[in-house]
PDB file of N, CA and C in Angstrom:
ATOM      1  N   MET A   1      -2.037 -15.189  -6.692  1.00  0.00           N
ATOM      2  CA  MET A   1      -1.873 -13.917  -6.035  1.00  0.00           C
ATOM      3  C   MET A   1      -3.230 -13.241  -5.898  1.00  0.00           C
ATOM      4  N   ALA A   2      -3.633 -13.051  -4.695  1.00  0.00           N
ATOM      5  CA  ALA A   2      -4.933 -12.438  -4.425  1.00  0.00           C
ATOM      6  C   ALA A   2      -4.834 -10.923  -4.507  1.00  0.00           C
ATOM      7  N   ALA A   3      -5.927 -10.316  -4.907  1.00  0.00           N
ATOM      8  CA  ALA A   3      -6.020  -8.857  -4.902  1.00  0.00           C
ATOM      9  C   ALA A   3      -6.548  -8.442  -3.540  1.00  0.00           C
ATOM     10  N   LEU A   4      -5.821  -7.575  -2.868  1.00  0.00           N
ATOM     11  CA  LEU A   4      -6.211  -7.124  -1.538  1.00  0.00           C
ATOM     12  C   LEU A   4      -7.205  -5.980  -1.630  1.00  0.00           C
ATOM     13  N   VAL A   5      -8.046  -5.894  -0.637  1.00  0.00           N
ATOM     14  CA  VAL A   5      -8.960  -4.767  -0.498  1.00  0.00           C
ATOM     15  C   VAL A   5      -8.597  -4.087   0.810  1.00  0.00           C
ATOM     16  N   ALA A   6      -8.255  -2.831   0.730  1.00  0.00           N
ATOM     17  CA  ALA A   6      -7.875  -2.099   1.937  1.00  0.00           C
ATOM     18  C   ALA A   6      -9.048  -2.043   2.887  1.00  0.00           C
ATOM     19  N   SER A   7      -8.791  -2.284   4.175  1.00  0.00           N
ATOM     20  CA  SER A   7      -9.876  -2.264   5.147  1.00  0.00           C
ATOM     21  C   SER A   7     -10.340  -0.842   5.434  1.00  0.00           C
ATOM     22  N   ASN A   8      -9.501   0.129   5.137  1.00  0.00           N
ATOM     23  CA  ASN A   8      -9.954   1.515   5.202  1.00  0.00           C
ATOM     24  C   ASN A   8      -9.548   2.181   3.910  1.00  0.00           C
ATOM     25  N   LYS A   9     -10.504   2.548   3.106  1.00  0.00           N
ATOM     26  CA  LYS A   9     -10.230   3.181   1.821  1.00  0.00           C
ATOM     27  C   LYS A   9      -9.711   4.589   2.045  1.00  0.00           C
ATOM     28  N   ASN A  10      -8.406   4.688   2.166  1.00  0.00           N
ATOM     29  CA  ASN A  10      -7.695   5.946   2.366  1.00  0.00           C
ATOM     30  C   ASN A  10      -8.473   6.945   3.227  1.00  0.00           C
ATOM     31  N   THR A  11      -8.686   6.566   4.483  1.00  0.00           N
ATOM     32  CA  THR A  11      -9.420   7.452   5.382  1.00  0.00           C
ATOM     33  C   THR A  11      -8.638   8.719   5.688  1.00  0.00           C
ATOM     34  N   GLU A  12      -7.324   8.656   5.490  1.00  0.00           N
ATOM     35  CA  GLU A  12      -6.512   9.845   5.696  1.00  0.00           C
ATOM     36  C   GLU A  12      -5.899  10.254   4.372  1.00  0.00           C
ATOM     37  N   ARG A  13      -5.914  11.537   4.108  1.00  0.00           N
ATOM     38  CA  ARG A  13      -5.269  12.070   2.916  1.00  0.00           C
ATOM     39  C   ARG A  13      -4.646  13.397   3.297  1.00  0.00           C
ATOM     40  N   HIS A  14      -3.352  13.513   3.077  1.00  0.00           N
ATOM     41  CA  HIS A  14      -2.635  14.737   3.393  1.00  0.00           C
ATOM     42  C   HIS A  14      -2.028  15.289   2.115  1.00  0.00           C
ATOM     43  N   ILE A  15      -2.134  16.585   1.917  1.00  0.00           N
ATOM     44  CA  ILE A  15      -1.633  17.229   0.708  1.00  0.00           C
ATOM     45  C   ILE A  15      -0.438  18.092   1.076  1.00  0.00           C
ATOM     46  N   PHE A  16       0.662  17.911   0.331  1.00  0.00           N
ATOM     47  CA  PHE A  16       1.883  18.691   0.507  1.00  0.00           C
ATOM     48  C   PHE A  16       2.190  19.338  -0.842  1.00  0.00           C
ATOM     49  N   GLY A  17       1.710  20.545  -1.058  1.00  0.00           N
ATOM     50  CA  GLY A  17       1.899  21.172  -2.362  1.00  0.00           C
ATOM     51  C   GLY A  17       1.161  20.368  -3.419  1.00  0.00           C
ATOM     52  N   ASN A  18       1.903  19.785  -4.369  1.00  0.00           N
ATOM     53  CA  ASN A  18       1.258  18.975  -5.403  1.00  0.00           C
ATOM     54  C   ASN A  18       1.442  17.480  -5.142  1.00  0.00           C
ATOM     55  N   LEU A  19       1.821  17.099  -3.919  1.00  0.00           N
ATOM     56  CA  LEU A  19       1.955  15.695  -3.547  1.00  0.00           C
ATOM     57  C   LEU A  19       0.827  15.296  -2.598  1.00  0.00           C
ATOM     58  N   ALA A  20       0.374  14.071  -2.734  1.00  0.00           N
ATOM     59  CA  ALA A  20      -0.682  13.550  -1.860  1.00  0.00           C
ATOM     60  C   ALA A  20      -0.169  12.305  -1.140  1.00  0.00           C
ATOM     61  N   ALA A  21      -0.408  12.235   0.160  1.00  0.00           N
ATOM     62  CA  ALA A  21      -0.078  11.044   0.945  1.00  0.00           C
ATOM     63  C   ALA A  21      -1.390  10.404   1.370  1.00  0.00           C
ATOM     64  N   ARG A  22      -1.576   9.141   0.996  1.00  0.00           N
ATOM     65  CA  ARG A  22      -2.781   8.399   1.377  1.00  0.00           C
ATOM     66  C   ARG A  22      -2.376   7.181   2.177  1.00  0.00           C
ATOM     67  N   PHE A  23      -3.242   6.803   3.108  1.00  0.00           N
ATOM     68  CA  PHE A  23      -2.966   5.689   4.002  1.00  0.00           C
ATOM     69  C   PHE A  23      -4.001   4.590   3.805  1.00  0.00           C
ATOM     70  N   TYR A  24      -3.543   3.343   3.748  1.00  0.00           N
ATOM     71  CA  TYR A  24      -4.395   2.170   3.576  1.00  0.00           C
ATOM     72  C   TYR A  24      -4.014   1.145   4.643  1.00  0.00           C
ATOM     73  N   THR A  25      -4.978   0.390   5.144  1.00  0.00           N
ATOM     74  CA  THR A  25      -4.707  -0.712   6.060  1.00  0.00           C
ATOM     75  C   THR A  25      -5.080  -2.002   5.345  1.00  0.00           C
ATOM     76  N   VAL A  26      -4.119  -2.926   5.257  1.00  0.00           N
ATOM     77  CA  VAL A  26      -4.330  -4.160   4.505  1.00  0.00           C
ATOM     78  C   VAL A  26      -3.879  -5.380   5.299  1.00  0.00           C
ATOM     79  N   SER A  27      -4.474  -6.516   4.971  1.00  0.00           N
ATOM     80  CA  SER A  27      -4.079  -7.816   5.502  1.00  0.00           C
ATOM     81  C   SER A  27      -3.977  -8.758   4.318  1.00  0.00           C
ATOM     82  N   GLY A  28      -2.996  -9.661   4.344  1.00  0.00           N
ATOM     83  CA  GLY A  28      -2.858 -10.580   3.223  1.00  0.00           C
ATOM     84  C   GLY A  28      -1.682 -11.516   3.384  1.00  0.00           C
ATOM     85  N   ASN A  29      -1.193 -11.991   2.257  1.00  0.00           N
ATOM     86  CA  ASN A  29      -0.071 -12.924   2.209  1.00  0.00           C
ATOM     87  C   ASN A  29       0.970 -12.419   1.226  1.00  0.00           C
ATOM     88  N   SER A  30       2.152 -12.995   1.283  1.00  0.00           N
ATOM     89  CA  SER A  30       3.207 -12.648   0.343  1.00  0.00           C
ATOM     90  C   SER A  30       2.716 -12.885  -1.082  1.00  0.00           C
ATOM     91  N   GLY A  31       2.966 -11.937  -1.966  1.00  0.00           N
ATOM     92  CA  GLY A  31       2.537 -12.038  -3.354  1.00  0.00           C
ATOM     93  C   GLY A  31       1.203 -11.386  -3.642  1.00  0.00           C
ATOM     94  N   ASP A  32       0.455 -11.007  -2.611  1.00  0.00           N
ATOM     95  CA  ASP A  32      -0.828 -10.339  -2.814  1.00  0.00           C
ATOM     96  C   ASP A  32      -0.597  -8.921  -3.338  1.00  0.00           C
ATOM     97  N   THR A  33      -1.592  -8.400  -4.043  1.00  0.00           N
ATOM     98  CA  THR A  33      -1.469  -7.071  -4.629  1.00  0.00           C
ATOM     99  C   THR A  33      -2.585  -6.149  -4.141  1.00  0.00           C
ATOM    100  N   LEU A  34      -2.299  -4.865  -4.149  1.00  0.00           N
ATOM    101  CA  LEU A  34      -3.264  -3.827  -3.785  1.00  0.00           C
ATOM    102  C   LEU A  34      -3.336  -2.851  -4.948  1.00  0.00           C
ATOM    103  N   LEU A  35      -4.536  -2.631  -5.489  1.00  0.00           N
ATOM    104  CA  LEU A  35      -4.734  -1.643  -6.547  1.00  0.00           C
ATOM    105  C   LEU A  35      -5.184  -0.335  -5.913  1.00  0.00           C
ATOM    106  N   ILE A  36      -4.500   0.738  -6.257  1.00  0.00           N
ATOM    107  CA  ILE A  36      -4.860   2.044  -5.709  1.00  0.00           C
ATOM    108  C   ILE A  36      -5.006   3.038  -6.850  1.00  0.00           C
ATOM    109  N   ALA A  37      -5.827   4.044  -6.638  1.00  0.00           N
ATOM    110  CA  ALA A  37      -6.079   5.065  -7.662  1.00  0.00           C
ATOM    111  C   ALA A  37      -5.097   6.211  -7.518  1.00  0.00           C
ATOM    112  N   GLN A  38      -3.815   5.883  -7.487  1.00  0.00           N
ATOM    113  CA  GLN A  38      -2.759   6.889  -7.434  1.00  0.00           C
ATOM    114  C   GLN A  38      -1.737   6.543  -8.511  1.00  0.00           C
ATOM    115  N   SER A  39      -1.140   7.563  -9.076  1.00  0.00           N
ATOM    116  CA  SER A  39      -0.084   7.342 -10.059  1.00  0.00           C
ATOM    117  C   SER A  39       1.074   8.268  -9.737  1.00  0.00           C
ATOM    118  N   ASN A  40       2.150   8.143 -10.484  1.00  0.00           N
ATOM    119  CA  ASN A  40       3.364   8.923 -10.220  1.00  0.00           C
ATOM    120  C   ASN A  40       3.791   8.779  -8.759  1.00  0.00           C
ATOM    121  N   ILE A  41       3.920   7.539  -8.321  1.00  0.00           N
ATOM    122  CA  ILE A  41       4.269   7.250  -6.931  1.00  0.00           C
ATOM    123  C   ILE A  41       5.752   7.533  -6.689  1.00  0.00           C
ATOM    124  N   TYR A  42       6.032   8.254  -5.599  1.00  0.00           N
ATOM    125  CA  TYR A  42       7.396   8.581  -5.220  1.00  0.00           C
ATOM    126  C   TYR A  42       7.904   7.713  -4.079  1.00  0.00           C
ATOM    127  N   PHE A  43       7.011   7.334  -3.176  1.00  0.00           N
ATOM    128  CA  PHE A  43       7.468   6.649  -1.968  1.00  0.00           C
ATOM    129  C   PHE A  43       6.338   5.825  -1.377  1.00  0.00           C
ATOM    130  N   ILE A  44       6.684   4.636  -0.876  1.00  0.00           N
ATOM    131  CA  ILE A  44       5.736   3.792  -0.158  1.00  0.00           C
ATOM    132  C   ILE A  44       6.380   3.382   1.156  1.00  0.00           C
ATOM    133  N   SER A  45       5.637   3.522   2.234  1.00  0.00           N
ATOM    134  CA  SER A  45       6.107   3.089   3.545  1.00  0.00           C
ATOM    135  C   SER A  45       5.099   2.096   4.111  1.00  0.00           C
ATOM    136  N   VAL A  46       5.603   0.974   4.611  1.00  0.00           N
ATOM    137  CA  VAL A  46       4.737  -0.037   5.212  1.00  0.00           C
ATOM    138  C   VAL A  46       5.088  -0.157   6.689  1.00  0.00           C
ATOM    139  N   GLN A  47       4.098   0.102   7.524  1.00  0.00           N
ATOM    140  CA  GLN A  47       4.254  -0.074   8.961  1.00  0.00           C
ATOM    141  C   GLN A  47       3.649  -1.412   9.326  1.00  0.00           C
ATOM    142  N   PRO A  48       4.437  -2.349   9.880  1.00  0.00           N
ATOM    143  CA  PRO A  48       3.881  -3.665  10.214  1.00  0.00           C
ATOM    144  C   PRO A  48       2.697  -3.542  11.160  1.00  0.00           C
ATOM    145  N   GLY A  49       1.771  -4.452  10.999  1.00  0.00           N
ATOM    146  CA  GLY A  49       0.576  -4.453  11.843  1.00  0.00           C
ATOM    147  C   GLY A  49       0.744  -5.332  13.057  1.00  0.00           C
ATOM    148  N   SER A  50      -0.270  -6.114  13.335  1.00  0.00           N
ATOM    149  CA  SER A  50      -0.300  -6.887  14.570  1.00  0.00           C
ATOM    150  C   SER A  50       0.264  -8.294  14.382  1.00  0.00           C
ATOM    151  N   THR A  51       1.165  -8.482  13.420  1.00  0.00           N
ATOM    152  CA  THR A  51       1.710  -9.812  13.188  1.00  0.00           C
ATOM    153  C   THR A  51       3.195  -9.857  13.463  1.00  0.00           C
ATOM    154  N   ILE A  52       3.692 -11.036  13.725  1.00  0.00           N
ATOM    155  CA  ILE A  52       5.126 -11.234  13.919  1.00  0.00           C
ATOM    156  C   ILE A  52       5.825 -11.161  12.563  1.00  0.00           C
ATOM    157  N   THR A  53       5.238 -11.811  11.542  1.00  0.00           N
ATOM    158  CA  THR A  53       5.826 -11.777  10.211  1.00  0.00           C
ATOM    159  C   THR A  53       5.405 -10.496   9.532  1.00  0.00           C
ATOM    160  N   GLY A  54       6.360  -9.756   9.023  1.00  0.00           N
ATOM    161  CA  GLY A  54       6.045  -8.465   8.436  1.00  0.00           C
ATOM    162  C   GLY A  54       6.328  -8.412   6.958  1.00  0.00           C
ATOM    163  N   VAL A  55       5.951  -7.316   6.366  1.00  0.00           N
ATOM    164  CA  VAL A  55       6.187  -7.074   4.948  1.00  0.00           C
ATOM    165  C   VAL A  55       7.637  -6.637   4.793  1.00  0.00           C
ATOM    166  N   SER A  56       8.371  -7.338   3.941  1.00  0.00           N
ATOM    167  CA  SER A  56       9.784  -7.006   3.767  1.00  0.00           C
ATOM    168  C   SER A  56      10.027  -6.075   2.582  1.00  0.00           C
ATOM    169  N   SER A  57       9.148  -6.100   1.578  1.00  0.00           N
ATOM    170  CA  SER A  57       9.318  -5.198   0.441  1.00  0.00           C
ATOM    171  C   SER A  57       8.017  -5.084  -0.343  1.00  0.00           C
ATOM    172  N   VAL A  58       7.971  -4.077  -1.194  1.00  0.00           N
ATOM    173  CA  VAL A  58       6.833  -3.885  -2.087  1.00  0.00           C
ATOM    174  C   VAL A  58       7.373  -3.582  -3.477  1.00  0.00           C
ATOM    175  N   ALA A  59       6.593  -3.940  -4.497  1.00  0.00           N
ATOM    176  CA  ALA A  59       6.940  -3.617  -5.886  1.00  0.00           C
ATOM    177  C   ALA A  59       5.778  -2.850  -6.481  1.00  0.00           C
ATOM    178  N   ILE A  60       6.077  -1.871  -7.308  1.00  0.00           N
ATOM    179  CA  ILE A  60       5.046  -1.017  -7.900  1.00  0.00           C
ATOM    180  C   ILE A  60       4.957  -1.290  -9.391  1.00  0.00           C
ATOM    181  N   LYS A  61       3.737  -1.478  -9.876  1.00  0.00           N
ATOM    182  CA  LYS A  61       3.474  -1.557 -11.315  1.00  0.00           C
ATOM    183  C   LYS A  61       2.588  -0.369 -11.641  1.00  0.00           C
ATOM    184  N   PRO A  62       3.140   0.667 -12.287  1.00  0.00           N
ATOM    185  CA  PRO A  62       2.350   1.868 -12.540  1.00  0.00           C
ATOM    186  C   PRO A  62       1.277   1.656 -13.597  1.00  0.00           C
ATOM    187  N   GLY A  63       0.280   2.493 -13.532  1.00  0.00           N
ATOM    188  CA  GLY A  63      -0.813   2.473 -14.490  1.00  0.00           C
ATOM    189  C   GLY A  63      -1.881   3.427 -14.029  1.00  0.00           C
ATOM    190  N   THR A  64      -3.059   3.344 -14.625  1.00  0.00           N
ATOM    191  CA  THR A  64      -4.176   4.163 -14.187  1.00  0.00           C
ATOM    192  C   THR A  64      -4.467   3.890 -12.723  1.00  0.00           C
ATOM    193  N   GLN A  65      -4.484   2.604 -12.383  1.00  0.00           N
ATOM    194  CA  GLN A  65      -4.520   2.189 -10.991  1.00  0.00           C
ATOM    195  C   GLN A  65      -3.199   1.507 -10.729  1.00  0.00           C
ATOM    196  N   SER A  66      -2.382   2.072  -9.866  1.00  0.00           N
ATOM    197  CA  SER A  66      -1.096   1.471  -9.575  1.00  0.00           C
ATOM    198  C   SER A  66      -1.294   0.185  -8.792  1.00  0.00           C
ATOM    199  N   GLN A  67      -0.478  -0.788  -9.081  1.00  0.00           N
ATOM    200  CA  GLN A  67      -0.553  -2.087  -8.412  1.00  0.00           C
ATOM    201  C   GLN A  67       0.661  -2.227  -7.501  1.00  0.00           C
ATOM    202  N   ILE A  68       0.411  -2.451  -6.222  1.00  0.00           N
ATOM    203  CA  ILE A  68       1.477  -2.661  -5.255  1.00  0.00           C
ATOM    204  C   ILE A  68       1.467  -4.136  -4.874  1.00  0.00           C
ATOM    205  N   THR A  69       2.592  -4.827  -5.076  1.00  0.00           N
ATOM    206  CA  THR A  69       2.715  -6.239  -4.732  1.00  0.00           C
ATOM    207  C   THR A  69       3.586  -6.362  -3.489  1.00  0.00           C
ATOM    208  N   PHE A  70       3.108  -7.113  -2.507  1.00  0.00           N
ATOM    209  CA  PHE A  70       3.791  -7.261  -1.229  1.00  0.00           C
ATOM    210  C   PHE A  70       4.634  -8.529  -1.186  1.00  0.00           C
ATOM    211  N   THR A  71       5.816  -8.431  -0.604  1.00  0.00           N
ATOM    212  CA  THR A  71       6.645  -9.592  -0.309  1.00  0.00           C
ATOM    213  C   THR A  71       6.769  -9.654   1.207  1.00  0.00           C
ATOM    214  N   ALA A  72       6.395 -10.784   1.770  1.00  0.00           N
ATOM    215  CA  ALA A  72       6.418 -10.923   3.227  1.00  0.00           C
ATOM    216  C   ALA A  72       6.888 -12.326   3.592  1.00  0.00           C
ATOM    217  N   SER A  73       7.284 -12.490   4.836  1.00  0.00           N
ATOM    218  CA  SER A  73       7.745 -13.802   5.298  1.00  0.00           C
ATOM    219  C   SER A  73       6.580 -14.707   5.654  1.00  0.00           C
ATOM    220  N   GLY A  74       5.369 -14.217   5.526  1.00  0.00           N
ATOM    221  CA  GLY A  74       4.165 -14.995   5.810  1.00  0.00           C
ATOM    222  C   GLY A  74       2.956 -14.088   5.721  1.00  0.00           C
ATOM    223  N   ALA A  75       1.871 -14.516   6.306  1.00  0.00           N
ATOM    224  CA  ALA A  75       0.662 -13.688   6.313  1.00  0.00           C
ATOM    225  C   ALA A  75       0.898 -12.439   7.158  1.00  0.00           C
ATOM    226  N   PHE A  76       0.235 -11.355   6.784  1.00  0.00           N
ATOM    227  CA  PHE A  76       0.318 -10.126   7.572  1.00  0.00           C
ATOM    228  C   PHE A  76      -1.077  -9.565   7.770  1.00  0.00           C
ATOM    229  N   THR A  77      -1.279  -8.895   8.896  1.00  0.00           N
ATOM    230  CA  THR A  77      -2.577  -8.293   9.188  1.00  0.00           C
ATOM    231  C   THR A  77      -2.385  -6.851   9.623  1.00  0.00           C
ATOM    232  N   ASN A  78      -3.331  -6.023   9.254  1.00  0.00           N
ATOM    233  CA  ASN A  78      -3.365  -4.621   9.670  1.00  0.00           C
ATOM    234  C   ASN A  78      -2.073  -3.861   9.387  1.00  0.00           C
ATOM    235  N   ALA A  79      -1.458  -4.129   8.260  1.00  0.00           N
ATOM    236  CA  ALA A  79      -0.280  -3.357   7.860  1.00  0.00           C
ATOM    237  C   ALA A  79      -0.765  -2.026   7.301  1.00  0.00           C
ATOM    238  N   VAL A  80      -0.214  -0.929   7.790  1.00  0.00           N
ATOM    239  CA  VAL A  80      -0.593   0.393   7.315  1.00  0.00           C
ATOM    240  C   VAL A  80       0.385   0.788   6.209  1.00  0.00           C
ATOM    241  N   VAL A  81      -0.175   1.100   5.041  1.00  0.00           N
ATOM    242  CA  VAL A  81       0.623   1.465   3.880  1.00  0.00           C
ATOM    243  C   VAL A  81       0.403   2.931   3.574  1.00  0.00           C
ATOM    244  N   MET A  82       1.497   3.714   3.578  1.00  0.00           N
ATOM    245  CA  MET A  82       1.412   5.122   3.201  1.00  0.00           C
ATOM    246  C   MET A  82       1.988   5.262   1.811  1.00  0.00           C
ATOM    247  N   VAL A  83       1.228   5.871   0.894  1.00  0.00           N
ATOM    248  CA  VAL A  83       1.660   6.059  -0.484  1.00  0.00           C
ATOM    249  C   VAL A  83       1.733   7.545  -0.767  1.00  0.00           C
ATOM    250  N   LEU A  84       2.937   8.008  -1.145  1.00  0.00           N
ATOM    251  CA  LEU A  84       3.148   9.409  -1.492  1.00  0.00           C
ATOM    252  C   LEU A  84       3.255   9.517  -3.012  1.00  0.00           C
ATOM    253  N   SER A  85       2.364  10.293  -3.610  1.00  0.00           N
ATOM    254  CA  SER A  85       2.334  10.390  -5.068  1.00  0.00           C
ATOM    255  C   SER A  85       2.014  11.805  -5.526  1.00  0.00           C
ATOM    256  N   ARG A  86       2.264  12.040  -6.811  1.00  0.00           N
ATOM    257  CA  ARG A  86       1.937  13.344  -7.382  1.00  0.00           C
ATOM    258  C   ARG A  86       0.471  13.440  -7.750  1.00  0.00           C
ATOM    259  N   VAL A  87      -0.127  12.353  -8.196  1.00  0.00           N
ATOM    260  CA  VAL A  87      -1.538  12.338  -8.595  1.00  0.00           C
ATOM    261  C   VAL A  87      -2.300  11.428  -7.675  1.00  0.00           C
ATOM    262  N   GLY A  88      -3.465  11.832  -7.220  1.00  0.00           N
ATOM    263  CA  GLY A  88      -4.285  10.954  -6.415  1.00  0.00           C
ATOM    264  C   GLY A  88      -4.649  11.563  -5.126  1.00  0.00           C
TER     265      GLY A  88
END
């Protein structure tokens, strides 16, 4: 399982009271993980990128840096991930 590096390090950040929404663009394969500096995650949304095979689900492992693991039917490119959290 490869560790993904977001192609844009949260270029967008929106604050809603005490919640923060950050956006990441990633490319990878099923089973790859993304480490982000957000905790207390409430919601993750993945918008498929320029591929036919898309991300079907994500799993969160909380910690100082939360780990998001992607499940996909194959490789994916330019998937935009929005993470809504209390901290970050």
